[in-house]
């Protein structure tokens, strides 16, 4: 009688390859590019796109998505580019520092309100 072999379960199996459908990257995607989901996940999507769509209900940068997914940015760039091309995600430029309010002005308003 043979003893059944134990199978080793790995909680996060390593993917050794990635098949990208579209080799063209739309524009320049970098670590600070913000991504927002345009719709809900659909049946038949892979596990990575489903997880990304659920995460990106609010804008997230590529660096944040990479950290949450535990995927290198080189792989994530391909996945995100495919999703942007398919219309599943919207890529946005990060908010430039010049469009943020002036800190000194905000402090002056705060002090003025405190004196009331």
PDB file of N, CA and C in Angstrom:
ATOM      1  N   UNK A   1       0.837  -1.172   0.000  1.00  0.00           N
ATOM      2  CA  UNK A   1       0.000   0.000   0.000  1.00  0.00           C
ATOM      3  C   UNK A   1       0.889   1.244   0.000  1.00  0.00           C
ATOM      4  N   UNK A   2       0.579   2.178  -0.875  1.00  0.00           N
ATOM      5  CA  UNK A   2       1.382   3.390  -0.967  1.00  0.00           C
ATOM      6  C   UNK A   2       0.750   4.502  -0.141  1.00  0.00           C
ATOM      7  N   UNK A   3       1.605   5.278   0.437  1.00  0.00           N
ATOM      8  CA  UNK A   3       1.159   6.413   1.240  1.00  0.00           C
ATOM      9  C   UNK A   3       0.960   7.600   0.306  1.00  0.00           C
ATOM     10  N   UNK A   4      -0.175   8.282   0.411  1.00  0.00           N
ATOM     11  CA  UNK A   4      -0.378   9.440  -0.475  1.00  0.00           C
ATOM     12  C   UNK A   4       0.647  10.528  -0.188  1.00  0.00           C
ATOM     13  N   UNK A   5       1.093  11.174  -1.252  1.00  0.00           N
ATOM     14  CA  UNK A   5       2.056  12.264  -1.109  1.00  0.00           C
ATOM     15  C   UNK A   5       1.361  13.518  -0.612  1.00  0.00           C
ATOM     16  N   UNK A   6       2.079  14.226   0.194  1.00  0.00           N
ATOM     17  CA  UNK A   6       1.554  15.504   0.639  1.00  0.00           C
ATOM     18  C   UNK A   6       1.834  16.559  -0.413  1.00  0.00           C
ATOM     19  N   UNK A   7       0.857  17.328  -0.707  1.00  0.00           N
ATOM     20  CA  UNK A   7       1.068  18.421  -1.656  1.00  0.00           C
ATOM     21  C   UNK A   7       1.414  19.673  -0.870  1.00  0.00           C
ATOM     22  N   UNK A   8       2.341  20.396  -1.376  1.00  0.00           N
ATOM     23  CA  UNK A   8       2.777  21.625  -0.729  1.00  0.00           C
ATOM     24  C   UNK A   8       1.919  22.777  -1.226  1.00  0.00           C
ATOM     25  N   UNK A   9       1.305  23.484  -0.305  1.00  0.00           N
ATOM     26  CA  UNK A   9       0.474  24.624  -0.678  1.00  0.00           C
ATOM     27  C   UNK A   9       1.261  25.907  -0.460  1.00  0.00           C
ATOM     28  N   UNK A  10       1.295  26.700  -1.477  1.00  0.00           N
ATOM     29  CA  UNK A  10       1.968  27.993  -1.400  1.00  0.00           C
ATOM     30  C   UNK A  10       0.874  29.054  -1.384  1.00  0.00           C
ATOM     31  N   UNK A  11       0.865  29.952  -0.389  1.00  0.00           N
ATOM     32  CA  UNK A  11      -0.223  30.930  -0.309  1.00  0.00           C
ATOM     33  C   UNK A  11      -0.264  31.888  -1.498  1.00  0.00           C
ATOM     34  N   UNK A  12       0.869  32.295  -2.004  1.00  0.00           N
ATOM     35  CA  UNK A  12       0.929  33.187  -3.153  1.00  0.00           C
ATOM     36  C   UNK A  12       1.874  32.572  -4.173  1.00  0.00           C
ATOM     37  N   UNK A  13       1.365  31.742  -5.075  1.00  0.00           N
ATOM     38  CA  UNK A  13       2.266  31.119  -6.046  1.00  0.00           C
ATOM     39  C   UNK A  13       2.900  32.154  -6.958  1.00  0.00           C
ATOM     40  N   UNK A  14       4.151  31.926  -7.265  1.00  0.00           N
ATOM     41  CA  UNK A  14       4.876  32.847  -8.135  1.00  0.00           C
ATOM     42  C   UNK A  14       4.470  32.614  -9.582  1.00  0.00           C
ATOM     43  N   UNK A  15       4.180  33.689 -10.273  1.00  0.00           N
ATOM     44  CA  UNK A  15       3.893  33.586 -11.704  1.00  0.00           C
ATOM     45  C   UNK A  15       5.201  33.811 -12.443  1.00  0.00           C
ATOM     46  N   UNK A  16       5.571  32.855 -13.242  1.00  0.00           N
ATOM     47  CA  UNK A  16       6.858  32.916 -13.908  1.00  0.00           C
ATOM     48  C   UNK A  16       6.789  33.612 -15.261  1.00  0.00           C
ATOM     49  N   UNK A  17       5.596  33.891 -15.738  1.00  0.00           N
ATOM     50  CA  UNK A  17       5.476  34.562 -17.022  1.00  0.00           C
ATOM     51  C   UNK A  17       4.200  35.395 -17.025  1.00  0.00           C
ATOM     52  N   UNK A  18       4.109  36.283 -17.990  1.00  0.00           N
ATOM     53  CA  UNK A  18       2.926  37.109 -18.157  1.00  0.00           C
ATOM     54  C   UNK A  18       2.695  37.265 -19.647  1.00  0.00           C
ATOM     55  N   UNK A  19       1.497  37.004 -20.072  1.00  0.00           N
ATOM     56  CA  UNK A  19       1.160  37.171 -21.475  1.00  0.00           C
ATOM     57  C   UNK A  19       0.414  38.479 -21.604  1.00  0.00           C
ATOM     58  N   UNK A  20       1.025  39.451 -22.248  1.00  0.00           N
ATOM     59  CA  UNK A  20       0.388  40.736 -22.480  1.00  0.00           C
ATOM     60  C   UNK A  20      -0.246  40.741 -23.854  1.00  0.00           C
ATOM     61  N   UNK A  21      -1.463  41.278 -23.927  1.00  0.00           N
ATOM     62  CA  UNK A  21      -2.156  41.285 -25.207  1.00  0.00           C
ATOM     63  C   UNK A  21      -1.721  42.440 -26.092  1.00  0.00           C
ATOM     64  N   UNK A  22      -1.308  43.546 -25.483  1.00  0.00           N
ATOM     65  CA  UNK A  22      -0.984  44.735 -26.257  1.00  0.00           C
ATOM     66  C   UNK A  22       0.425  45.196 -25.901  1.00  0.00           C
ATOM     67  N   UNK A  23       1.360  45.138 -26.848  1.00  0.00           N
ATOM     68  CA  UNK A  23       2.721  45.562 -26.534  1.00  0.00           C
ATOM     69  C   UNK A  23       2.893  47.072 -26.458  1.00  0.00           C
ATOM     70  N   UNK A  24       1.926  47.836 -26.943  1.00  0.00           N
ATOM     71  CA  UNK A  24       2.041  49.301 -26.937  1.00  0.00           C
ATOM     72  C   UNK A  24       1.568  49.854 -25.604  1.00  0.00           C
ATOM     73  N   UNK A  25       2.418  50.622 -24.969  1.00  0.00           N
ATOM     74  CA  UNK A  25       2.065  51.270 -23.709  1.00  0.00           C
ATOM     75  C   UNK A  25       1.466  52.623 -24.038  1.00  0.00           C
ATOM     76  N   UNK A  26       0.224  52.906 -23.586  1.00  0.00           N
ATOM     77  CA  UNK A  26      -0.387  54.194 -23.903  1.00  0.00           C
ATOM     78  C   UNK A  26       0.257  55.322 -23.095  1.00  0.00           C
ATOM     79  N   UNK A  27       1.046  56.133 -23.755  1.00  0.00           N
ATOM     80  CA  UNK A  27       1.731  57.226 -23.063  1.00  0.00           C
ATOM     81  C   UNK A  27       2.832  56.693 -22.169  1.00  0.00           C
ATOM     82  N   UNK A  28       3.202  57.472 -21.205  1.00  0.00           N
ATOM     83  CA  UNK A  28       4.265  57.091 -20.276  1.00  0.00           C
ATOM     84  C   UNK A  28       3.630  56.804 -18.924  1.00  0.00           C
ATOM     85  N   UNK A  29       3.696  55.563 -18.477  1.00  0.00           N
ATOM     86  CA  UNK A  29       3.189  55.200 -17.161  1.00  0.00           C
ATOM     87  C   UNK A  29       4.377  55.130 -16.212  1.00  0.00           C
ATOM     88  N   UNK A  30       4.320  55.910 -15.133  1.00  0.00           N
ATOM     89  CA  UNK A  30       5.399  55.855 -14.157  1.00  0.00           C
ATOM     90  C   UNK A  30       4.816  55.599 -12.773  1.00  0.00           C
ATOM     91  N   UNK A  31       5.649  55.627 -11.759  1.00  0.00           N
ATOM     92  CA  UNK A  31       5.236  55.237 -10.413  1.00  0.00           C
ATOM     93  C   UNK A  31       4.200  56.159  -9.791  1.00  0.00           C
ATOM     94  N   UNK A  32       4.118  57.404 -10.249  1.00  0.00           N
ATOM     95  CA  UNK A  32       3.175  58.349  -9.652  1.00  0.00           C
ATOM     96  C   UNK A  32       1.912  58.542 -10.487  1.00  0.00           C
ATOM     97  N   UNK A  33       1.783  57.836 -11.600  1.00  0.00           N
ATOM     98  CA  UNK A  33       0.566  57.900 -12.400  1.00  0.00           C
ATOM     99  C   UNK A  33      -0.589  57.346 -11.569  1.00  0.00           C
ATOM    100  N   UNK A  34      -1.697  58.054 -11.557  1.00  0.00           N
ATOM    101  CA  UNK A  34      -2.871  57.632 -10.797  1.00  0.00           C
ATOM    102  C   UNK A  34      -3.813  56.838 -11.687  1.00  0.00           C
ATOM    103  N   UNK A  35      -4.400  55.796 -11.138  1.00  0.00           N
ATOM    104  CA  UNK A  35      -5.325  54.929 -11.884  1.00  0.00           C
ATOM    105  C   UNK A  35      -6.655  54.874 -11.162  1.00  0.00           C
ATOM    106  N   UNK A  36      -7.749  54.948 -11.948  1.00  0.00           N
ATOM    107  CA  UNK A  36      -9.105  54.872 -11.418  1.00  0.00           C
ATOM    108  C   UNK A  36      -9.876  53.870 -12.266  1.00  0.00           C
ATOM    109  N   UNK A  37     -10.627  52.987 -11.608  1.00  0.00           N
ATOM    110  CA  UNK A  37     -11.438  52.000 -12.325  1.00  0.00           C
ATOM    111  C   UNK A  37     -12.591  52.696 -13.029  1.00  0.00           C
ATOM    112  N   UNK A  38     -12.887  52.260 -14.247  1.00  0.00           N
ATOM    113  CA  UNK A  38     -14.002  52.832 -14.988  1.00  0.00           C
ATOM    114  C   UNK A  38     -15.256  51.982 -14.884  1.00  0.00           C
ATOM    115  N   UNK A  39     -15.119  50.724 -14.468  1.00  0.00           N
ATOM    116  CA  UNK A  39     -16.281  49.861 -14.274  1.00  0.00           C
ATOM    117  C   UNK A  39     -15.938  48.719 -13.330  1.00  0.00           C
ATOM    118  N   UNK A  40     -16.921  47.923 -12.998  1.00  0.00           N
ATOM    119  CA  UNK A  40     -16.751  46.782 -12.097  1.00  0.00           C
ATOM    120  C   UNK A  40     -16.071  45.617 -12.823  1.00  0.00           C
ATOM    121  N   UNK A  41     -15.444  44.697 -12.073  1.00  0.00           N
ATOM    122  CA  UNK A  41     -14.865  43.502 -12.703  1.00  0.00           C
ATOM    123  C   UNK A  41     -15.961  42.665 -13.372  1.00  0.00           C
ATOM    124  N   UNK A  42     -15.588  42.030 -14.468  1.00  0.00           N
ATOM    125  CA  UNK A  42     -16.534  41.169 -15.184  1.00  0.00           C
ATOM    126  C   UNK A  42     -16.060  39.727 -15.120  1.00  0.00           C
ATOM    127  N   UNK A  43     -16.967  38.837 -15.405  1.00  0.00           N
ATOM    128  CA  UNK A  43     -16.645  37.418 -15.397  1.00  0.00           C
ATOM    129  C   UNK A  43     -15.642  37.109 -16.504  1.00  0.00           C
ATOM    130  N   UNK A  44     -14.685  36.266 -16.194  1.00  0.00           N
ATOM    131  CA  UNK A  44     -13.682  35.874 -17.177  1.00  0.00           C
ATOM    132  C   UNK A  44     -12.375  36.646 -17.078  1.00  0.00           C
ATOM    133  N   UNK A  45     -12.339  37.672 -16.221  1.00  0.00           N
ATOM    134  CA  UNK A  45     -11.099  38.424 -16.032  1.00  0.00           C
ATOM    135  C   UNK A  45     -10.141  37.604 -15.185  1.00  0.00           C
ATOM    136  N   UNK A  46      -8.854  37.876 -15.345  1.00  0.00           N
ATOM    137  CA  UNK A  46      -7.836  37.223 -14.539  1.00  0.00           C
ATOM    138  C   UNK A  46      -7.846  37.749 -13.114  1.00  0.00           C
ATOM    139  N   UNK A  47      -7.136  37.085 -12.205  1.00  0.00           N
ATOM    140  CA  UNK A  47      -7.151  37.524 -10.800  1.00  0.00           C
ATOM    141  C   UNK A  47      -6.504  38.885 -10.574  1.00  0.00           C
ATOM    142  N   UNK A  48      -5.448  39.199 -11.325  1.00  0.00           N
ATOM    143  CA  UNK A  48      -4.790  40.488 -11.131  1.00  0.00           C
ATOM    144  C   UNK A  48      -5.671  41.654 -11.563  1.00  0.00           C
ATOM    145  N   UNK A  49      -6.273  41.615 -12.772  1.00  0.00           N
ATOM    146  CA  UNK A  49      -7.154  42.733 -13.153  1.00  0.00           C
ATOM    147  C   UNK A  49      -8.346  42.910 -12.217  1.00  0.00           C
ATOM    148  N   UNK A  50      -8.906  41.806 -11.722  1.00  0.00           N
ATOM    149  CA  UNK A  50     -10.037  41.914 -10.796  1.00  0.00           C
ATOM    150  C   UNK A  50      -9.598  42.616  -9.516  1.00  0.00           C
ATOM    151  N   UNK A  51      -8.459  42.213  -8.970  1.00  0.00           N
ATOM    152  CA  UNK A  51      -7.955  42.839  -7.736  1.00  0.00           C
ATOM    153  C   UNK A  51      -7.644  44.313  -7.964  1.00  0.00           C
ATOM    154  N   UNK A  52      -7.070  44.641  -9.108  1.00  0.00           N
ATOM    155  CA  UNK A  52      -6.732  46.041  -9.416  1.00  0.00           C
ATOM    156  C   UNK A  52      -7.999  46.882  -9.540  1.00  0.00           C
ATOM    157  N   UNK A  53      -9.019  46.374 -10.225  1.00  0.00           N
ATOM    158  CA  UNK A  53     -10.263  47.128 -10.372  1.00  0.00           C
ATOM    159  C   UNK A  53     -10.930  47.362  -9.020  1.00  0.00           C
ATOM    160  N   UNK A  54     -10.875  46.385  -8.145  1.00  0.00           N
ATOM    161  CA  UNK A  54     -11.478  46.564  -6.818  1.00  0.00           C
ATOM    162  C   UNK A  54     -10.700  47.581  -5.990  1.00  0.00           C
ATOM    163  N   UNK A  55      -9.382  47.597  -6.141  1.00  0.00           N
ATOM    164  CA  UNK A  55      -8.549  48.555  -5.405  1.00  0.00           C
ATOM    165  C   UNK A  55      -8.720  49.974  -5.906  1.00  0.00           C
ATOM    166  N   UNK A  56      -8.915  50.119  -7.216  1.00  0.00           N
ATOM    167  CA  UNK A  56      -8.878  51.435  -7.848  1.00  0.00           C
ATOM    168  C   UNK A  56     -10.242  52.119  -7.913  1.00  0.00           C
ATOM    169  N   UNK A  57     -11.114  51.844  -6.957  1.00  0.00           N
ATOM    170  CA  UNK A  57     -12.361  52.608  -6.892  1.00  0.00           C
ATOM    171  C   UNK A  57     -12.042  54.068  -6.580  1.00  0.00           C
ATOM    172  N   UNK A  58     -10.999  54.285  -5.797  1.00  0.00           N
ATOM    173  CA  UNK A  58     -10.452  55.614  -5.534  1.00  0.00           C
ATOM    174  C   UNK A  58      -9.091  55.674  -6.239  1.00  0.00           C
ATOM    175  N   UNK A  59      -8.644  56.855  -6.656  1.00  0.00           N
ATOM    176  CA  UNK A  59      -7.361  56.936  -7.364  1.00  0.00           C
ATOM    177  C   UNK A  59      -6.207  56.364  -6.538  1.00  0.00           C
ATOM    178  N   UNK A  60      -5.413  55.510  -7.184  1.00  0.00           N
ATOM    179  CA  UNK A  60      -4.209  54.932  -6.577  1.00  0.00           C
ATOM    180  C   UNK A  60      -3.055  55.059  -7.559  1.00  0.00           C
ATOM    181  N   UNK A  61      -1.866  55.289  -7.033  1.00  0.00           N
ATOM    182  CA  UNK A  61      -0.685  55.368  -7.893  1.00  0.00           C
ATOM    183  C   UNK A  61      -0.176  53.969  -8.210  1.00  0.00           C
ATOM    184  N   UNK A  62       0.660  53.886  -9.230  1.00  0.00           N
ATOM    185  CA  UNK A  62       1.236  52.596  -9.594  1.00  0.00           C
ATOM    186  C   UNK A  62       2.065  52.034  -8.442  1.00  0.00           C
ATOM    187  N   UNK A  63       2.758  52.894  -7.709  1.00  0.00           N
ATOM    188  CA  UNK A  63       3.568  52.431  -6.579  1.00  0.00           C
ATOM    189  C   UNK A  63       2.689  51.798  -5.502  1.00  0.00           C
ATOM    190  N   UNK A  64       1.535  52.400  -5.224  1.00  0.00           N
ATOM    191  CA  UNK A  64       0.631  51.842  -4.220  1.00  0.00           C
ATOM    192  C   UNK A  64       0.044  50.511  -4.672  1.00  0.00           C
ATOM    193  N   UNK A  65      -0.351  50.435  -5.935  1.00  0.00           N
ATOM    194  CA  UNK A  65      -0.901  49.187  -6.466  1.00  0.00           C
ATOM    195  C   UNK A  65       0.157  48.093  -6.421  1.00  0.00           C
ATOM    196  N   UNK A  66       1.383  48.437  -6.790  1.00  0.00           N
ATOM    197  CA  UNK A  66       2.479  47.473  -6.770  1.00  0.00           C
ATOM    198  C   UNK A  66       2.712  46.937  -5.359  1.00  0.00           C
ATOM    199  N   UNK A  67       2.656  47.813  -4.367  1.00  0.00           N
ATOM    200  CA  UNK A  67       2.871  47.384  -2.983  1.00  0.00           C
ATOM    201  C   UNK A  67       1.743  46.482  -2.499  1.00  0.00           C
ATOM    202  N   UNK A  68       0.502  46.844  -2.805  1.00  0.00           N
ATOM    203  CA  UNK A  68      -0.637  46.031  -2.382  1.00  0.00           C
ATOM    204  C   UNK A  68      -0.659  44.661  -3.066  1.00  0.00           C
ATOM    205  N   UNK A  69      -0.303  44.644  -4.354  1.00  0.00           N
ATOM    206  CA  UNK A  69      -0.360  43.400  -5.131  1.00  0.00           C
ATOM    207  C   UNK A  69       0.883  42.532  -4.957  1.00  0.00           C
ATOM    208  N   UNK A  70       1.940  43.120  -4.410  1.00  0.00           N
ATOM    209  CA  UNK A  70       3.229  42.427  -4.286  1.00  0.00           C
ATOM    210  C   UNK A  70       3.744  41.962  -5.652  1.00  0.00           C
ATOM    211  N   UNK A  71       3.607  42.853  -6.619  1.00  0.00           N
ATOM    212  CA  UNK A  71       4.106  42.605  -7.974  1.00  0.00           C
ATOM    213  C   UNK A  71       5.161  43.647  -8.304  1.00  0.00           C
ATOM    214  N   UNK A  72       6.206  43.257  -9.041  1.00  0.00           N
ATOM    215  CA  UNK A  72       7.190  44.262  -9.471  1.00  0.00           C
ATOM    216  C   UNK A  72       6.549  45.243 -10.453  1.00  0.00           C
ATOM    217  N   UNK A  73       7.054  46.459 -10.458  1.00  0.00           N
ATOM    218  CA  UNK A  73       6.459  47.481 -11.324  1.00  0.00           C
ATOM    219  C   UNK A  73       6.618  47.158 -12.805  1.00  0.00           C
ATOM    220  N   UNK A  74       7.656  46.401 -13.172  1.00  0.00           N
ATOM    221  CA  UNK A  74       7.818  46.033 -14.585  1.00  0.00           C
ATOM    222  C   UNK A  74       6.662  45.157 -15.059  1.00  0.00           C
ATOM    223  N   UNK A  75       6.216  44.248 -14.224  1.00  0.00           N
ATOM    224  CA  UNK A  75       5.076  43.391 -14.566  1.00  0.00           C
ATOM    225  C   UNK A  75       3.789  44.197 -14.491  1.00  0.00           C
ATOM    226  N   UNK A  76       3.652  45.002 -13.454  1.00  0.00           N
ATOM    227  CA  UNK A  76       2.441  45.783 -13.265  1.00  0.00           C
ATOM    228  C   UNK A  76       2.236  46.789 -14.390  1.00  0.00           C
ATOM    229  N   UNK A  77       3.311  47.329 -14.938  1.00  0.00           N
ATOM    230  CA  UNK A  77       3.195  48.262 -16.063  1.00  0.00           C
ATOM    231  C   UNK A  77       2.488  47.601 -17.235  1.00  0.00           C
ATOM    232  N   UNK A  78       2.823  46.354 -17.524  1.00  0.00           N
ATOM    233  CA  UNK A  78       2.178  45.639 -18.630  1.00  0.00           C
ATOM    234  C   UNK A  78       0.703  45.393 -18.351  1.00  0.00           C
ATOM    235  N   UNK A  79       0.383  44.970 -17.135  1.00  0.00           N
ATOM    236  CA  UNK A  79      -1.010  44.704 -16.777  1.00  0.00           C
ATOM    237  C   UNK A  79      -1.830  45.990 -16.836  1.00  0.00           C
ATOM    238  N   UNK A  80      -1.306  47.073 -16.258  1.00  0.00           N
ATOM    239  CA  UNK A  80      -2.031  48.342 -16.252  1.00  0.00           C
ATOM    240  C   UNK A  80      -2.180  48.912 -17.654  1.00  0.00           C
ATOM    241  N   UNK A  81      -1.150  48.769 -18.484  1.00  0.00           N
ATOM    242  CA  UNK A  81      -1.239  49.259 -19.870  1.00  0.00           C
ATOM    243  C   UNK A  81      -2.335  48.515 -20.628  1.00  0.00           C
ATOM    244  N   UNK A  82      -2.413  47.196 -20.447  1.00  0.00           N
ATOM    245  CA  UNK A  82      -3.482  46.424 -21.087  1.00  0.00           C
ATOM    246  C   UNK A  82      -4.857  46.878 -20.597  1.00  0.00           C
ATOM    247  N   UNK A  83      -4.960  47.152 -19.301  1.00  0.00           N
ATOM    248  CA  UNK A  83      -6.247  47.557 -18.743  1.00  0.00           C
ATOM    249  C   UNK A  83      -6.656  48.957 -19.194  1.00  0.00           C
ATOM    250  N   UNK A  84      -5.692  49.866 -19.330  1.00  0.00           N
ATOM    251  CA  UNK A  84      -5.994  51.211 -19.834  1.00  0.00           C
ATOM    252  C   UNK A  84      -6.417  51.130 -21.295  1.00  0.00           C
ATOM    253  N   UNK A  85      -5.717  50.327 -22.082  1.00  0.00           N
ATOM    254  CA  UNK A  85      -6.060  50.163 -23.495  1.00  0.00           C
ATOM    255  C   UNK A  85      -7.453  49.562 -23.670  1.00  0.00           C
ATOM    256  N   UNK A  86      -7.813  48.623 -22.787  1.00  0.00           N
ATOM    257  CA  UNK A  86      -9.128  47.982 -22.859  1.00  0.00           C
ATOM    258  C   UNK A  86     -10.239  48.867 -22.295  1.00  0.00           C
ATOM    259  N   UNK A  87      -9.896  50.004 -21.693  1.00  0.00           N
ATOM    260  CA  UNK A  87     -10.895  50.905 -21.149  1.00  0.00           C
ATOM    261  C   UNK A  87     -11.375  50.515 -19.760  1.00  0.00           C
ATOM    262  N   UNK A  88     -10.667  49.613 -19.110  1.00  0.00           N
ATOM    263  CA  UNK A  88     -11.057  49.179 -17.763  1.00  0.00           C
ATOM    264  C   UNK A  88     -10.559  50.145 -16.690  1.00  0.00           C
ATOM    265  N   UNK A  89      -9.461  50.827 -16.972  1.00  0.00           N
ATOM    266  CA  UNK A  89      -8.874  51.802 -16.054  1.00  0.00           C
ATOM    267  C   UNK A  89      -8.667  53.113 -16.786  1.00  0.00           C
ATOM    268  N   UNK A  90      -8.665  54.178 -16.009  1.00  0.00           N
ATOM    269  CA  UNK A  90      -8.325  55.493 -16.544  1.00  0.00           C
ATOM    270  C   UNK A  90      -7.030  55.937 -15.882  1.00  0.00           C
ATOM    271  N   UNK A  91      -6.052  56.330 -16.687  1.00  0.00           N
ATOM    272  CA  UNK A  91      -4.766  56.804 -16.162  1.00  0.00           C
ATOM    273  C   UNK A  91      -4.812  58.324 -16.086  1.00  0.00           C
ATOM    274  N   UNK A  92      -4.411  58.851 -14.936  1.00  0.00           N
ATOM    275  CA  UNK A  92      -4.406  60.300 -14.725  1.00  0.00           C
ATOM    276  C   UNK A  92      -3.013  60.741 -14.310  1.00  0.00           C
ATOM    277  N   UNK A  93      -2.663  61.928 -14.706  1.00  0.00           N
ATOM    278  CA  UNK A  93      -1.388  62.504 -14.269  1.00  0.00           C
ATOM    279  C   UNK A  93      -1.512  62.886 -12.805  1.00  0.00           C
ATOM    280  N   UNK A  94      -0.425  62.807 -12.050  1.00  0.00           N
ATOM    281  CA  UNK A  94      -0.495  63.211 -10.642  1.00  0.00           C
ATOM    282  C   UNK A  94      -0.753  64.707 -10.523  1.00  0.00           C
ATOM    283  N   UNK A  95      -1.266  65.115  -9.380  1.00  0.00           N
ATOM    284  CA  UNK A  95      -1.553  66.532  -9.145  1.00  0.00           C
ATOM    285  C   UNK A  95      -0.228  67.275  -9.010  1.00  0.00           C
ATOM    286  N   UNK A  96       0.035  68.242  -9.883  1.00  0.00           N
ATOM    287  CA  UNK A  96       1.292  68.976  -9.770  1.00  0.00           C
ATOM    288  C   UNK A  96       1.304  69.839  -8.504  1.00  0.00           C
ATOM    289  N   UNK A  97       2.474  70.043  -7.966  1.00  0.00           N
ATOM    290  CA  UNK A  97       2.617  70.810  -6.726  1.00  0.00           C
ATOM    291  C   UNK A  97       2.145  72.243  -6.893  1.00  0.00           C
ATOM    292  N   UNK A  98       2.243  72.806  -8.101  1.00  0.00           N
ATOM    293  CA  UNK A  98       1.851  74.191  -8.330  1.00  0.00           C
ATOM    294  C   UNK A  98       0.347  74.385  -8.164  1.00  0.00           C
ATOM    295  N   UNK A  99      -0.455  73.352  -8.372  1.00  0.00           N
ATOM    296  CA  UNK A  99      -1.897  73.513  -8.274  1.00  0.00           C
ATOM    297  C   UNK A  99      -2.406  73.304  -6.850  1.00  0.00           C
ATOM    298  N   UNK A 100      -1.531  72.921  -5.928  1.00  0.00           N
ATOM    299  CA  UNK A 100      -1.922  72.783  -4.535  1.00  0.00           C
ATOM    300  C   UNK A 100      -1.961  74.153  -3.885  1.00  0.00           C
ATOM    301  N   UNK A 101      -2.812  74.331  -2.866  1.00  0.00           N
ATOM    302  CA  UNK A 101      -2.895  75.654  -2.230  1.00  0.00           C
ATOM    303  C   UNK A 101      -1.606  76.015  -1.506  1.00  0.00           C
ATOM    304  N   UNK A 102      -1.376  77.307  -1.380  1.00  0.00           N
ATOM    305  CA  UNK A 102      -0.195  77.818  -0.699  1.00  0.00           C
ATOM    306  C   UNK A 102      -0.330  77.583   0.804  1.00  0.00           C
ATOM    307  N   UNK A 103       0.675  76.975   1.417  1.00  0.00           N
ATOM    308  CA  UNK A 103       0.645  76.646   2.844  1.00  0.00           C
ATOM    309  C   UNK A 103       0.558  77.909   3.698  1.00  0.00           C
ATOM    310  N   UNK A 104       1.284  78.956   3.332  1.00  0.00           N
ATOM    311  CA  UNK A 104       1.256  80.197   4.111  1.00  0.00           C
ATOM    312  C   UNK A 104      -0.135  80.827   4.093  1.00  0.00           C
ATOM    313  N   UNK A 105      -0.808  80.768   2.945  1.00  0.00           N
ATOM    314  CA  UNK A 105      -2.161  81.308   2.849  1.00  0.00           C
ATOM    315  C   UNK A 105      -3.114  80.508   3.734  1.00  0.00           C
ATOM    316  N   UNK A 106      -2.988  79.188   3.720  1.00  0.00           N
ATOM    317  CA  UNK A 106      -3.848  78.358   4.561  1.00  0.00           C
ATOM    318  C   UNK A 106      -3.614  78.626   6.047  1.00  0.00           C
ATOM    319  N   UNK A 107      -2.359  78.825   6.436  1.00  0.00           N
ATOM    320  CA  UNK A 107      -2.051  79.136   7.831  1.00  0.00           C
ATOM    321  C   UNK A 107      -2.651  80.483   8.226  1.00  0.00           C
ATOM    322  N   UNK A 108      -2.574  81.476   7.336  1.00  0.00           N
ATOM    323  CA  UNK A 108      -3.130  82.795   7.626  1.00  0.00           C
ATOM    324  C   UNK A 108      -4.645  82.713   7.789  1.00  0.00           C
ATOM    325  N   UNK A 109      -5.308  81.945   6.956  1.00  0.00           N
ATOM    326  CA  UNK A 109      -6.762  81.771   7.067  1.00  0.00           C
ATOM    327  C   UNK A 109      -7.097  81.061   8.372  1.00  0.00           C
ATOM    328  N   UNK A 110      -6.332  80.031   8.722  1.00  0.00           N
ATOM    329  CA  UNK A 110      -6.567  79.284   9.947  1.00  0.00           C
ATOM    330  C   UNK A 110      -6.425  80.194  11.180  1.00  0.00           C
ATOM    331  N   UNK A 111      -5.348  81.011  11.192  1.00  0.00           N
ATOM    332  CA  UNK A 111      -5.136  81.921  12.324  1.00  0.00           C
ATOM    333  C   UNK A 111      -6.234  82.972  12.395  1.00  0.00           C
ATOM    334  N   UNK A 112      -6.692  83.437  11.244  1.00  0.00           N
ATOM    335  CA  UNK A 112      -7.773  84.405  11.212  1.00  0.00           C
ATOM    336  C   UNK A 112      -9.063  83.818  11.748  1.00  0.00           C
ATOM    337  N   UNK A 113      -9.355  82.571  11.416  1.00  0.00           N
ATOM    338  CA  UNK A 113     -10.554  81.924  11.921  1.00  0.00           C
ATOM    339  C   UNK A 113     -10.464  81.658  13.426  1.00  0.00           C
ATOM    340  N   UNK A 114      -9.266  81.352  13.904  1.00  0.00           N
ATOM    341  CA  UNK A 114      -9.090  81.109  15.337  1.00  0.00           C
ATOM    342  C   UNK A 114      -9.294  82.378  16.163  1.00  0.00           C
ATOM    343  N   UNK A 115      -9.009  83.539  15.581  1.00  0.00           N
ATOM    344  CA  UNK A 115      -9.162  84.806  16.311  1.00  0.00           C
ATOM    345  C   UNK A 115     -10.623  85.221  16.413  1.00  0.00           C
ATOM    346  N   UNK A 116     -11.492  84.657  15.607  1.00  0.00           N
ATOM    347  CA  UNK A 116     -12.914  85.054  15.641  1.00  0.00           C
ATOM    348  C   UNK A 116     -13.592  84.633  16.897  1.00  0.00           C
TER     349      UNK A 116
END
